[in-house]
Amino acid sequence: MSSSKLIVTAFITMDGVMQAPGGPGEDVDAGFEHGGWQVPYVDEDFMVLMTGVFEQTADHLLLGRHTYDIFAAHWPRVTDENDPIAVKLNAMPKYVASRTLDSLAWNNSHLLKGEAAESVAQLKEDLDGVIMTQGSSDLIRTLQEHDLVDEYRLLINPVILGTGKRLFAEGAAPVAWTLTESGATGAGVQYCVYERAGKPQYGSLQLDDQA
């Protein structure tokens, strides 16, 4: 029986915002004015890190409609055979959760039919290897609500915005995670990998009453 791991790779701020890291027009929902907040922290270390993420640890790409549109408008035009991220993204299987798209032009892209949670759960059973989703905040929220995420790979940028769509919404189910890998770039981006560790454990830091 086939089985796969579903990971969420997310660029986030210190306060957990993941909205529009790459540019001002990427996502202006609710009047968001901070698009492109990640750009000042993209250095050589960051590009090496992202090359490794795409080249070595992703077999399939899972995207929501909006992120797919952004990726599909850019990466097919990058034909440099020495660009490892472009080569990987253009060649790998891509699965898109959308209620509005009828066809997909980007090479090796597949449209998921029906409800996203059911389609992704079936995809996890049918595929081998690692399914990675990136961006796609609405899709990630659905994956979280249906307990489909096996691992988080977070790139935490040293900036606080105080507003915007966050990776974890109020009311998310309590889940414990184990830090399995971490590092930092020269610009201060923290890279942290978390794997599932069951239910949270609780205790108390209160001091015992002294007689």
N, C-alpha and C. Protein backbone atom coordinates (compact mmCIF):
# COMPACT_ATOMS: atom_id res chain seq x y z
N MET A 1 0.84 -1.20 0.00
CA MET A 1 0.00 0.00 0.00
C MET A 1 0.87 1.24 0.00
N SER A 2 0.58 2.17 -0.88
CA SER A 2 1.34 3.41 -0.94
C SER A 2 1.01 4.31 0.24
N SER A 3 1.95 5.15 0.60
CA SER A 3 1.69 6.15 1.64
C SER A 3 2.72 7.25 1.48
N SER A 4 2.34 8.45 1.88
CA SER A 4 3.24 9.58 1.74
C SER A 4 3.17 10.46 2.98
N LYS A 5 4.16 11.33 3.10
CA LYS A 5 4.19 12.31 4.18
C LYS A 5 3.81 13.65 3.61
N LEU A 6 2.93 14.37 4.30
CA LEU A 6 2.54 15.69 3.85
C LEU A 6 3.20 16.74 4.74
N ILE A 7 3.99 17.60 4.12
CA ILE A 7 4.69 18.63 4.87
C ILE A 7 4.21 20.01 4.42
N VAL A 8 4.21 20.93 5.35
CA VAL A 8 3.90 22.32 5.06
C VAL A 8 5.20 23.10 5.18
N THR A 9 5.63 23.73 4.09
CA THR A 9 6.76 24.64 4.12
C THR A 9 6.19 26.06 4.11
N ALA A 10 6.54 26.84 5.13
CA ALA A 10 5.93 28.16 5.25
C ALA A 10 6.96 29.21 5.60
N PHE A 11 6.90 30.33 4.89
CA PHE A 11 7.67 31.52 5.23
C PHE A 11 6.80 32.33 6.18
N ILE A 12 7.26 32.56 7.40
CA ILE A 12 6.43 33.28 8.36
C ILE A 12 7.25 34.34 9.09
N THR A 13 6.53 35.30 9.66
CA THR A 13 7.15 36.32 10.50
C THR A 13 7.22 35.80 11.93
N MET A 14 7.82 36.57 12.82
CA MET A 14 7.91 36.16 14.21
C MET A 14 6.53 36.06 14.86
N ASP A 15 5.56 36.81 14.35
CA ASP A 15 4.20 36.68 14.89
C ASP A 15 3.32 35.78 14.02
N GLY A 16 3.95 34.95 13.20
CA GLY A 16 3.22 33.90 12.50
C GLY A 16 2.53 34.27 11.23
N VAL A 17 2.73 35.50 10.71
CA VAL A 17 2.08 35.91 9.47
C VAL A 17 2.75 35.24 8.27
N MET A 18 1.92 34.70 7.37
CA MET A 18 2.46 34.06 6.16
C MET A 18 1.96 34.74 4.89
N GLN A 19 1.22 35.80 5.03
CA GLN A 19 0.59 36.46 3.88
C GLN A 19 1.59 37.25 3.05
N ALA A 20 1.61 36.99 1.75
CA ALA A 20 2.35 37.79 0.76
C ALA A 20 3.81 38.04 1.11
N PRO A 21 4.61 37.00 1.30
CA PRO A 21 6.03 37.23 1.61
C PRO A 21 6.84 37.76 0.44
N GLY A 22 6.38 37.51 -0.80
CA GLY A 22 7.23 37.78 -1.95
C GLY A 22 7.06 39.11 -2.66
N GLY A 23 5.92 39.79 -2.46
CA GLY A 23 5.73 41.03 -3.21
C GLY A 23 4.46 41.75 -2.82
N PRO A 24 4.35 43.04 -3.16
CA PRO A 24 3.23 43.87 -2.72
C PRO A 24 1.88 43.48 -3.31
N GLY A 25 1.85 42.91 -4.50
CA GLY A 25 0.58 42.56 -5.12
C GLY A 25 0.18 41.12 -4.92
N GLU A 26 0.90 40.39 -4.11
CA GLU A 26 0.69 38.96 -3.98
C GLU A 26 -0.64 38.61 -3.31
N ASP A 27 -0.99 39.34 -2.26
CA ASP A 27 -2.23 39.09 -1.54
C ASP A 27 -2.58 40.34 -0.74
N VAL A 28 -3.55 41.09 -1.22
CA VAL A 28 -3.92 42.35 -0.57
C VAL A 28 -5.24 42.23 0.19
N ASP A 29 -5.66 41.02 0.50
CA ASP A 29 -6.89 40.80 1.25
C ASP A 29 -6.88 41.60 2.55
N ALA A 30 -8.04 42.15 2.89
CA ALA A 30 -8.24 42.91 4.12
C ALA A 30 -7.30 44.11 4.20
N GLY A 31 -6.89 44.63 3.03
CA GLY A 31 -6.05 45.81 3.01
C GLY A 31 -4.62 45.57 3.44
N PHE A 32 -4.11 44.35 3.28
CA PHE A 32 -2.75 44.02 3.70
C PHE A 32 -1.74 44.85 2.90
N GLU A 33 -0.89 45.58 3.61
CA GLU A 33 0.02 46.53 2.97
C GLU A 33 1.50 46.16 3.12
N HIS A 34 1.78 44.97 3.61
CA HIS A 34 3.16 44.61 3.93
C HIS A 34 3.75 43.58 2.96
N GLY A 35 3.16 43.43 1.78
CA GLY A 35 3.66 42.44 0.83
C GLY A 35 5.13 42.63 0.50
N GLY A 36 5.85 41.51 0.45
CA GLY A 36 7.28 41.54 0.17
C GLY A 36 8.15 41.61 1.40
N TRP A 37 7.58 41.31 2.56
CA TRP A 37 8.32 41.44 3.82
C TRP A 37 9.50 40.50 3.94
N GLN A 38 9.51 39.42 3.17
CA GLN A 38 10.62 38.47 3.28
C GLN A 38 11.83 38.86 2.43
N VAL A 39 11.61 39.66 1.41
CA VAL A 39 12.65 39.94 0.42
C VAL A 39 13.96 40.45 1.04
N PRO A 40 13.95 41.34 2.04
CA PRO A 40 15.22 41.81 2.60
C PRO A 40 16.07 40.71 3.26
N TYR A 41 15.45 39.55 3.53
CA TYR A 41 16.16 38.47 4.23
C TYR A 41 16.58 37.34 3.31
N VAL A 42 16.43 37.53 2.00
CA VAL A 42 16.83 36.51 1.03
C VAL A 42 18.29 36.73 0.68
N ASP A 43 19.16 35.90 1.26
CA ASP A 43 20.59 35.99 0.98
C ASP A 43 21.07 34.66 0.39
N GLU A 44 22.36 34.51 0.23
CA GLU A 44 22.91 33.28 -0.36
C GLU A 44 22.58 32.07 0.49
N ASP A 45 22.66 32.21 1.82
CA ASP A 45 22.31 31.10 2.71
C ASP A 45 20.87 30.65 2.47
N PHE A 46 19.99 31.62 2.32
CA PHE A 46 18.57 31.31 2.14
C PHE A 46 18.35 30.54 0.84
N MET A 47 19.01 30.95 -0.23
CA MET A 47 18.84 30.27 -1.51
C MET A 47 19.40 28.85 -1.48
N VAL A 48 20.50 28.67 -0.81
CA VAL A 48 21.06 27.31 -0.65
C VAL A 48 20.07 26.44 0.11
N LEU A 49 19.50 27.00 1.17
CA LEU A 49 18.52 26.27 1.97
C LEU A 49 17.31 25.88 1.15
N MET A 50 16.75 26.82 0.40
CA MET A 50 15.56 26.53 -0.39
C MET A 50 15.85 25.55 -1.52
N THR A 51 17.04 25.62 -2.09
CA THR A 51 17.41 24.64 -3.11
C THR A 51 17.37 23.24 -2.53
N GLY A 52 17.89 23.09 -1.32
CA GLY A 52 17.86 21.78 -0.66
C GLY A 52 16.46 21.31 -0.36
N VAL A 53 15.60 22.23 0.07
CA VAL A 53 14.21 21.88 0.37
C VAL A 53 13.52 21.32 -0.87
N PHE A 54 13.68 21.99 -2.01
CA PHE A 54 13.00 21.55 -3.22
C PHE A 54 13.69 20.36 -3.88
N GLU A 55 15.01 20.39 -3.93
CA GLU A 55 15.74 19.35 -4.65
C GLU A 55 15.69 18.01 -3.94
N GLN A 56 15.84 18.04 -2.63
CA GLN A 56 16.09 16.80 -1.90
C GLN A 56 14.90 16.28 -1.11
N THR A 57 13.92 17.13 -0.81
CA THR A 57 12.91 16.69 0.15
C THR A 57 11.48 16.84 -0.33
N ALA A 58 11.25 17.02 -1.60
CA ALA A 58 9.88 17.12 -2.11
C ALA A 58 9.74 16.27 -3.37
N ASP A 59 8.74 15.39 -3.38
CA ASP A 59 8.47 14.56 -4.55
C ASP A 59 7.25 15.04 -5.33
N HIS A 60 6.32 15.67 -4.61
CA HIS A 60 5.09 16.16 -5.21
C HIS A 60 4.77 17.51 -4.59
N LEU A 61 4.15 18.40 -5.37
CA LEU A 61 3.81 19.73 -4.89
C LEU A 61 2.29 19.87 -4.85
N LEU A 62 1.78 20.31 -3.69
CA LEU A 62 0.35 20.51 -3.49
C LEU A 62 0.09 22.00 -3.28
N LEU A 63 -0.78 22.59 -4.10
CA LEU A 63 -0.99 24.02 -4.06
C LEU A 63 -2.47 24.37 -4.10
N GLY A 64 -2.81 25.51 -3.49
CA GLY A 64 -4.12 26.11 -3.67
C GLY A 64 -4.13 26.94 -4.93
N ARG A 65 -5.32 27.41 -5.29
CA ARG A 65 -5.49 28.12 -6.57
C ARG A 65 -4.60 29.35 -6.68
N HIS A 66 -4.58 30.20 -5.66
CA HIS A 66 -3.87 31.47 -5.76
C HIS A 66 -2.36 31.25 -5.88
N THR A 67 -1.82 30.37 -5.05
CA THR A 67 -0.38 30.10 -5.11
C THR A 67 -0.01 29.43 -6.42
N TYR A 68 -0.87 28.54 -6.90
CA TYR A 68 -0.62 27.91 -8.20
C TYR A 68 -0.52 28.97 -9.30
N ASP A 69 -1.43 29.92 -9.29
CA ASP A 69 -1.41 30.97 -10.32
C ASP A 69 -0.09 31.74 -10.29
N ILE A 70 0.40 32.04 -9.07
CA ILE A 70 1.67 32.77 -8.94
C ILE A 70 2.82 31.93 -9.48
N PHE A 71 2.89 30.68 -9.07
CA PHE A 71 3.97 29.79 -9.49
C PHE A 71 3.92 29.55 -11.00
N ALA A 72 2.71 29.28 -11.52
CA ALA A 72 2.57 28.93 -12.93
C ALA A 72 2.84 30.10 -13.85
N ALA A 73 2.72 31.32 -13.33
CA ALA A 73 3.02 32.50 -14.14
C ALA A 73 4.52 32.75 -14.22
N HIS A 74 5.29 32.18 -13.30
CA HIS A 74 6.72 32.47 -13.24
C HIS A 74 7.61 31.30 -13.68
N TRP A 75 7.45 30.15 -13.02
CA TRP A 75 8.45 29.09 -13.17
C TRP A 75 8.53 28.48 -14.56
N PRO A 76 7.45 28.32 -15.30
CA PRO A 76 7.61 27.77 -16.66
C PRO A 76 8.47 28.64 -17.57
N ARG A 77 8.59 29.94 -17.23
CA ARG A 77 9.41 30.85 -18.05
C ARG A 77 10.88 30.78 -17.68
N VAL A 78 11.19 30.10 -16.55
CA VAL A 78 12.59 29.96 -16.13
C VAL A 78 13.14 28.67 -16.74
N THR A 79 13.87 28.80 -17.81
CA THR A 79 14.34 27.63 -18.57
C THR A 79 15.82 27.35 -18.38
N ASP A 80 16.46 28.05 -17.45
CA ASP A 80 17.88 27.86 -17.18
C ASP A 80 18.09 26.49 -16.55
N GLU A 81 18.80 25.61 -17.24
CA GLU A 81 19.03 24.26 -16.74
C GLU A 81 19.94 24.24 -15.52
N ASN A 82 20.57 25.37 -15.22
CA ASN A 82 21.43 25.47 -14.03
C ASN A 82 20.69 26.04 -12.82
N ASP A 83 19.39 26.29 -12.98
CA ASP A 83 18.57 26.75 -11.86
C ASP A 83 17.89 25.52 -11.27
N PRO A 84 18.42 24.97 -10.15
CA PRO A 84 17.89 23.69 -9.64
C PRO A 84 16.45 23.78 -9.17
N ILE A 85 16.03 24.92 -8.63
CA ILE A 85 14.65 25.04 -8.16
C ILE A 85 13.69 25.02 -9.35
N ALA A 86 14.02 25.77 -10.40
CA ALA A 86 13.17 25.79 -11.59
C ALA A 86 13.09 24.41 -12.23
N VAL A 87 14.22 23.75 -12.35
CA VAL A 87 14.24 22.41 -12.95
C VAL A 87 13.34 21.47 -12.17
N LYS A 88 13.47 21.53 -10.84
CA LYS A 88 12.67 20.64 -9.99
C LYS A 88 11.19 20.94 -10.09
N LEU A 89 10.82 22.21 -9.95
CA LEU A 89 9.41 22.57 -9.95
C LEU A 89 8.74 22.30 -11.30
N ASN A 90 9.44 22.57 -12.37
CA ASN A 90 8.84 22.36 -13.68
C ASN A 90 8.65 20.88 -14.02
N ALA A 91 9.48 20.02 -13.41
CA ALA A 91 9.41 18.60 -13.73
C ALA A 91 8.51 17.81 -12.79
N MET A 92 8.41 18.22 -11.53
CA MET A 92 7.73 17.40 -10.53
C MET A 92 6.20 17.43 -10.71
N PRO A 93 5.51 16.39 -10.24
CA PRO A 93 4.05 16.39 -10.29
C PRO A 93 3.48 17.46 -9.36
N LYS A 94 2.48 18.17 -9.85
CA LYS A 94 1.85 19.24 -9.08
C LYS A 94 0.35 18.97 -8.99
N TYR A 95 -0.20 19.12 -7.79
CA TYR A 95 -1.62 18.86 -7.55
C TYR A 95 -2.25 20.14 -7.04
N VAL A 96 -3.37 20.51 -7.62
CA VAL A 96 -3.98 21.81 -7.33
C VAL A 96 -5.40 21.62 -6.82
N ALA A 97 -5.65 22.18 -5.64
CA ALA A 97 -7.00 22.15 -5.06
C ALA A 97 -7.72 23.43 -5.46
N SER A 98 -8.74 23.31 -6.28
CA SER A 98 -9.47 24.49 -6.74
C SER A 98 -10.89 24.10 -7.14
N ARG A 99 -11.85 24.95 -6.76
CA ARG A 99 -13.23 24.74 -7.17
C ARG A 99 -13.55 25.48 -8.47
N THR A 100 -12.65 26.33 -8.92
CA THR A 100 -12.96 27.20 -10.06
C THR A 100 -12.18 26.87 -11.33
N LEU A 101 -11.02 26.26 -11.20
CA LEU A 101 -10.24 25.94 -12.39
C LEU A 101 -10.81 24.73 -13.12
N ASP A 102 -10.75 24.76 -14.44
CA ASP A 102 -11.18 23.63 -15.26
C ASP A 102 -10.01 22.91 -15.90
N SER A 103 -8.90 23.64 -16.10
CA SER A 103 -7.72 23.04 -16.74
C SER A 103 -6.47 23.72 -16.19
N LEU A 104 -5.35 23.03 -16.35
CA LEU A 104 -4.08 23.52 -15.83
C LEU A 104 -3.03 23.47 -16.94
N ALA A 105 -2.37 24.59 -17.20
CA ALA A 105 -1.43 24.66 -18.32
C ALA A 105 -0.01 24.27 -17.94
N TRP A 106 0.36 24.43 -16.67
CA TRP A 106 1.73 24.15 -16.26
C TRP A 106 2.01 22.66 -16.38
N ASN A 107 3.17 22.34 -16.91
CA ASN A 107 3.57 20.96 -17.15
C ASN A 107 3.39 20.09 -15.91
N ASN A 108 2.80 18.91 -16.13
CA ASN A 108 2.67 17.88 -15.09
C ASN A 108 1.82 18.35 -13.91
N SER A 109 0.78 19.15 -14.18
CA SER A 109 -0.14 19.61 -13.14
C SER A 109 -1.44 18.83 -13.22
N HIS A 110 -2.01 18.54 -12.04
CA HIS A 110 -3.22 17.73 -11.95
C HIS A 110 -4.23 18.44 -11.05
N LEU A 111 -5.47 18.50 -11.48
CA LEU A 111 -6.52 19.17 -10.73
C LEU A 111 -7.19 18.16 -9.80
N LEU A 112 -7.28 18.53 -8.51
CA LEU A 112 -7.97 17.68 -7.55
C LEU A 112 -9.47 17.96 -7.60
N LYS A 113 -10.24 16.92 -7.69
CA LYS A 113 -11.69 17.05 -7.79
C LYS A 113 -12.33 16.91 -6.40
N GLY A 114 -13.48 17.51 -6.21
CA GLY A 114 -14.22 17.34 -4.97
C GLY A 114 -13.67 18.18 -3.83
N GLU A 115 -14.07 17.83 -2.60
CA GLU A 115 -13.63 18.55 -1.42
C GLU A 115 -12.13 18.36 -1.21
N ALA A 116 -11.45 19.45 -0.86
CA ALA A 116 -10.00 19.40 -0.75
C ALA A 116 -9.52 18.39 0.28
N ALA A 117 -10.14 18.36 1.46
CA ALA A 117 -9.69 17.46 2.52
C ALA A 117 -9.77 16.00 2.08
N GLU A 118 -10.89 15.62 1.47
CA GLU A 118 -11.04 14.24 1.01
C GLU A 118 -10.06 13.92 -0.10
N SER A 119 -9.87 14.86 -1.02
CA SER A 119 -8.96 14.62 -2.14
C SER A 119 -7.53 14.47 -1.67
N VAL A 120 -7.11 15.31 -0.71
CA VAL A 120 -5.74 15.24 -0.22
C VAL A 120 -5.53 13.98 0.61
N ALA A 121 -6.52 13.60 1.41
CA ALA A 121 -6.40 12.36 2.17
C ALA A 121 -6.21 11.16 1.24
N GLN A 122 -6.94 11.14 0.13
CA GLN A 122 -6.79 10.06 -0.84
C GLN A 122 -5.43 10.14 -1.53
N LEU A 123 -4.98 11.36 -1.81
CA LEU A 123 -3.68 11.55 -2.44
C LEU A 123 -2.57 10.99 -1.55
N LYS A 124 -2.68 11.21 -0.24
CA LYS A 124 -1.67 10.69 0.69
C LYS A 124 -1.61 9.17 0.66
N GLU A 125 -2.76 8.55 0.45
CA GLU A 125 -2.78 7.08 0.37
C GLU A 125 -2.22 6.57 -0.95
N ASP A 126 -2.45 7.32 -2.02
CA ASP A 126 -2.10 6.84 -3.36
C ASP A 126 -0.64 7.06 -3.73
N LEU A 127 -0.01 8.10 -3.14
CA LEU A 127 1.34 8.47 -3.55
C LEU A 127 2.40 7.96 -2.58
N ASP A 128 3.61 7.82 -3.07
CA ASP A 128 4.78 7.55 -2.24
C ASP A 128 5.59 8.83 -2.10
N GLY A 129 6.42 8.90 -1.07
CA GLY A 129 7.35 10.02 -0.93
C GLY A 129 6.76 11.17 -0.15
N VAL A 130 7.22 12.37 -0.48
CA VAL A 130 6.85 13.58 0.25
C VAL A 130 5.99 14.48 -0.61
N ILE A 131 4.84 14.85 -0.07
CA ILE A 131 3.99 15.87 -0.68
C ILE A 131 4.24 17.17 0.08
N MET A 132 4.61 18.21 -0.63
CA MET A 132 4.89 19.48 0.01
C MET A 132 3.90 20.53 -0.46
N THR A 133 3.36 21.30 0.48
CA THR A 133 2.56 22.46 0.13
C THR A 133 3.24 23.71 0.64
N GLN A 134 3.09 24.79 -0.11
CA GLN A 134 3.76 26.05 0.22
C GLN A 134 2.80 27.19 -0.09
N GLY A 135 2.82 28.22 0.74
CA GLY A 135 1.85 29.29 0.55
C GLY A 135 0.46 28.73 0.82
N SER A 136 -0.53 29.10 -0.02
CA SER A 136 -1.84 28.44 0.01
C SER A 136 -2.45 28.42 1.41
N SER A 137 -2.63 29.60 2.01
CA SER A 137 -3.07 29.66 3.41
C SER A 137 -4.43 29.01 3.63
N ASP A 138 -5.37 29.19 2.71
CA ASP A 138 -6.69 28.57 2.87
C ASP A 138 -6.59 27.05 2.81
N LEU A 139 -5.79 26.54 1.90
CA LEU A 139 -5.60 25.10 1.80
C LEU A 139 -4.93 24.56 3.06
N ILE A 140 -3.90 25.24 3.54
CA ILE A 140 -3.21 24.79 4.75
C ILE A 140 -4.17 24.76 5.93
N ARG A 141 -5.04 25.77 6.02
CA ARG A 141 -6.03 25.78 7.09
C ARG A 141 -6.92 24.54 7.02
N THR A 142 -7.32 24.15 5.82
CA THR A 142 -8.13 22.95 5.65
C THR A 142 -7.35 21.70 6.06
N LEU A 143 -6.09 21.64 5.67
CA LEU A 143 -5.26 20.49 6.05
C LEU A 143 -5.12 20.38 7.56
N GLN A 144 -4.96 21.52 8.23
CA GLN A 144 -4.85 21.53 9.68
C GLN A 144 -6.14 21.06 10.33
N GLU A 145 -7.26 21.57 9.85
CA GLU A 145 -8.56 21.23 10.44
C GLU A 145 -8.86 19.74 10.33
N HIS A 146 -8.33 19.09 9.30
CA HIS A 146 -8.60 17.67 9.09
C HIS A 146 -7.41 16.78 9.46
N ASP A 147 -6.47 17.34 10.20
CA ASP A 147 -5.37 16.56 10.78
C ASP A 147 -4.56 15.82 9.71
N LEU A 148 -4.24 16.52 8.63
CA LEU A 148 -3.54 15.90 7.51
C LEU A 148 -2.06 16.28 7.43
N VAL A 149 -1.59 17.19 8.27
CA VAL A 149 -0.20 17.65 8.21
C VAL A 149 0.68 16.75 9.07
N ASP A 150 1.75 16.24 8.47
CA ASP A 150 2.69 15.37 9.18
C ASP A 150 3.94 16.11 9.66
N GLU A 151 4.26 17.21 9.01
CA GLU A 151 5.51 17.91 9.34
C GLU A 151 5.41 19.36 8.90
N TYR A 152 6.04 20.24 9.68
CA TYR A 152 6.16 21.65 9.31
C TYR A 152 7.63 21.98 9.09
N ARG A 153 7.89 22.71 8.03
CA ARG A 153 9.22 23.28 7.79
C ARG A 153 9.04 24.79 7.72
N LEU A 154 9.42 25.45 8.80
CA LEU A 154 9.14 26.86 8.95
C LEU A 154 10.39 27.69 8.75
N LEU A 155 10.27 28.75 7.97
CA LEU A 155 11.34 29.72 7.80
C LEU A 155 10.87 31.00 8.48
N ILE A 156 11.38 31.23 9.69
CA ILE A 156 10.89 32.30 10.54
C ILE A 156 11.76 33.52 10.35
N ASN A 157 11.18 34.57 9.76
CA ASN A 157 11.91 35.79 9.43
C ASN A 157 11.89 36.77 10.61
N PRO A 158 12.99 37.50 10.83
CA PRO A 158 13.08 38.38 12.00
C PRO A 158 12.34 39.70 11.81
N VAL A 159 11.01 39.60 11.70
CA VAL A 159 10.17 40.79 11.53
C VAL A 159 8.81 40.51 12.14
N ILE A 160 8.19 41.52 12.75
CA ILE A 160 6.84 41.43 13.29
C ILE A 160 5.97 42.42 12.53
N LEU A 161 4.83 41.94 12.02
CA LEU A 161 3.93 42.80 11.25
C LEU A 161 2.69 43.20 12.03
N GLY A 162 2.26 42.37 12.96
CA GLY A 162 1.11 42.70 13.78
C GLY A 162 -0.23 42.54 13.10
N THR A 163 -0.24 42.09 11.86
CA THR A 163 -1.49 41.91 11.11
C THR A 163 -1.23 40.94 9.97
N GLY A 164 -2.29 40.40 9.41
CA GLY A 164 -2.13 39.49 8.28
C GLY A 164 -2.59 38.07 8.59
N LYS A 165 -2.68 37.25 7.54
CA LYS A 165 -3.09 35.85 7.69
C LYS A 165 -1.98 35.07 8.38
N ARG A 166 -2.34 34.33 9.40
CA ARG A 166 -1.36 33.59 10.18
C ARG A 166 -1.41 32.10 9.86
N LEU A 167 -0.28 31.46 10.09
CA LEU A 167 -0.18 30.03 9.79
C LEU A 167 -1.15 29.23 10.64
N PHE A 168 -1.25 29.57 11.91
CA PHE A 168 -2.16 28.85 12.82
C PHE A 168 -3.27 29.79 13.27
N ALA A 169 -4.50 29.40 13.00
CA ALA A 169 -5.64 30.24 13.32
C ALA A 169 -6.13 29.97 14.74
N GLU A 170 -6.83 30.94 15.29
CA GLU A 170 -7.50 30.74 16.57
C GLU A 170 -8.44 29.54 16.46
N GLY A 171 -8.39 28.68 17.47
CA GLY A 171 -9.25 27.51 17.48
C GLY A 171 -8.64 26.27 16.85
N ALA A 172 -7.37 26.34 16.43
CA ALA A 172 -6.70 25.16 15.87
C ALA A 172 -6.61 24.07 16.94
N ALA A 173 -6.70 22.81 16.52
CA ALA A 173 -6.64 21.68 17.46
C ALA A 173 -5.25 21.61 18.12
N PRO A 174 -5.20 21.35 19.44
CA PRO A 174 -3.91 21.22 20.11
C PRO A 174 -3.14 19.98 19.62
N VAL A 175 -1.93 20.19 19.19
CA VAL A 175 -1.06 19.11 18.73
C VAL A 175 0.35 19.42 19.20
N ALA A 176 1.07 18.41 19.68
CA ALA A 176 2.46 18.59 20.07
C ALA A 176 3.37 18.22 18.90
N TRP A 177 4.52 18.92 18.82
CA TRP A 177 5.47 18.70 17.73
C TRP A 177 6.87 18.58 18.31
N THR A 178 7.73 17.85 17.61
CA THR A 178 9.12 17.68 18.02
C THR A 178 10.03 18.39 17.02
N LEU A 179 10.94 19.21 17.52
CA LEU A 179 11.92 19.87 16.66
C LEU A 179 12.98 18.86 16.27
N THR A 180 13.11 18.61 14.96
CA THR A 180 14.06 17.59 14.48
C THR A 180 15.24 18.18 13.74
N GLU A 181 15.13 19.46 13.34
CA GLU A 181 16.23 20.10 12.61
C GLU A 181 16.08 21.60 12.76
N SER A 182 17.20 22.31 12.87
CA SER A 182 17.13 23.76 12.94
C SER A 182 18.44 24.36 12.44
N GLY A 183 18.36 25.61 12.06
CA GLY A 183 19.54 26.33 11.58
C GLY A 183 19.17 27.78 11.37
N ALA A 184 20.15 28.58 10.96
CA ALA A 184 19.90 30.00 10.75
C ALA A 184 20.74 30.49 9.57
N THR A 185 20.17 31.44 8.83
CA THR A 185 20.90 32.06 7.73
C THR A 185 21.64 33.29 8.23
N GLY A 186 22.51 33.83 7.40
CA GLY A 186 23.26 35.01 7.79
C GLY A 186 22.38 36.22 8.03
N ALA A 187 21.20 36.25 7.40
CA ALA A 187 20.27 37.37 7.57
C ALA A 187 19.32 37.17 8.74
N GLY A 188 19.48 36.06 9.47
CA GLY A 188 18.68 35.85 10.67
C GLY A 188 17.41 35.07 10.49
N VAL A 189 17.22 34.41 9.36
CA VAL A 189 16.05 33.55 9.17
C VAL A 189 16.30 32.22 9.86
N GLN A 190 15.40 31.84 10.75
CA GLN A 190 15.49 30.56 11.45
C GLN A 190 14.77 29.48 10.64
N TYR A 191 15.44 28.37 10.40
CA TYR A 191 14.83 27.24 9.70
C TYR A 191 14.58 26.14 10.72
N CYS A 192 13.32 25.77 10.90
CA CYS A 192 12.95 24.78 11.91
C CYS A 192 12.06 23.72 11.30
N VAL A 193 12.39 22.45 11.56
CA VAL A 193 11.59 21.33 11.08
C VAL A 193 10.94 20.67 12.29
N TYR A 194 9.61 20.52 12.22
CA TYR A 194 8.86 19.92 13.32
C TYR A 194 8.09 18.71 12.82
N GLU A 195 8.18 17.60 13.57
CA GLU A 195 7.41 16.41 13.26
C GLU A 195 6.40 16.15 14.37
N ARG A 196 5.32 15.49 14.02
CA ARG A 196 4.24 15.23 14.97
C ARG A 196 4.73 14.46 16.19
N ALA A 197 4.19 14.83 17.35
CA ALA A 197 4.58 14.15 18.60
C ALA A 197 3.36 13.86 19.47
N GLY A 198 2.19 13.73 18.87
CA GLY A 198 1.00 13.36 19.63
C GLY A 198 0.32 14.54 20.30
N LYS A 199 -0.37 14.25 21.40
CA LYS A 199 -1.12 15.28 22.11
C LYS A 199 -0.20 16.06 23.05
N PRO A 200 -0.51 17.33 23.27
CA PRO A 200 0.31 18.12 24.21
C PRO A 200 0.23 17.55 25.62
N GLN A 201 1.33 17.68 26.34
CA GLN A 201 1.37 17.33 27.76
C GLN A 201 1.37 18.62 28.57
N TYR A 202 0.76 18.57 29.75
CA TYR A 202 0.63 19.77 30.56
C TYR A 202 1.22 19.55 31.95
N GLY A 203 1.57 20.66 32.57
CA GLY A 203 2.10 20.61 33.93
C GLY A 203 1.88 21.93 34.62
N SER A 204 2.66 22.19 35.64
CA SER A 204 2.53 23.45 36.38
C SER A 204 3.90 23.95 36.79
N LEU A 205 4.09 25.26 36.69
CA LEU A 205 5.33 25.89 37.13
C LEU A 205 5.16 26.57 38.48
N GLN A 206 4.01 26.37 39.11
CA GLN A 206 3.79 26.98 40.41
C GLN A 206 4.72 26.37 41.46
N LEU A 207 5.22 27.22 42.35
CA LEU A 207 6.05 26.73 43.44
C LEU A 207 5.18 26.12 44.52
N ASP A 208 5.67 25.07 45.14
CA ASP A 208 4.94 24.47 46.25
C ASP A 208 4.84 25.46 47.40
N ASP A 209 3.73 25.42 48.12
CA ASP A 209 3.61 26.24 49.31
C ASP A 209 4.64 25.83 50.35
N GLN A 210 5.29 26.82 50.93
CA GLN A 210 6.31 26.53 51.94
C GLN A 210 5.68 26.65 53.34
N ALA A 211 5.97 25.68 54.18
CA ALA A 211 5.45 25.70 55.55
C ALA A 211 6.12 26.81 56.34
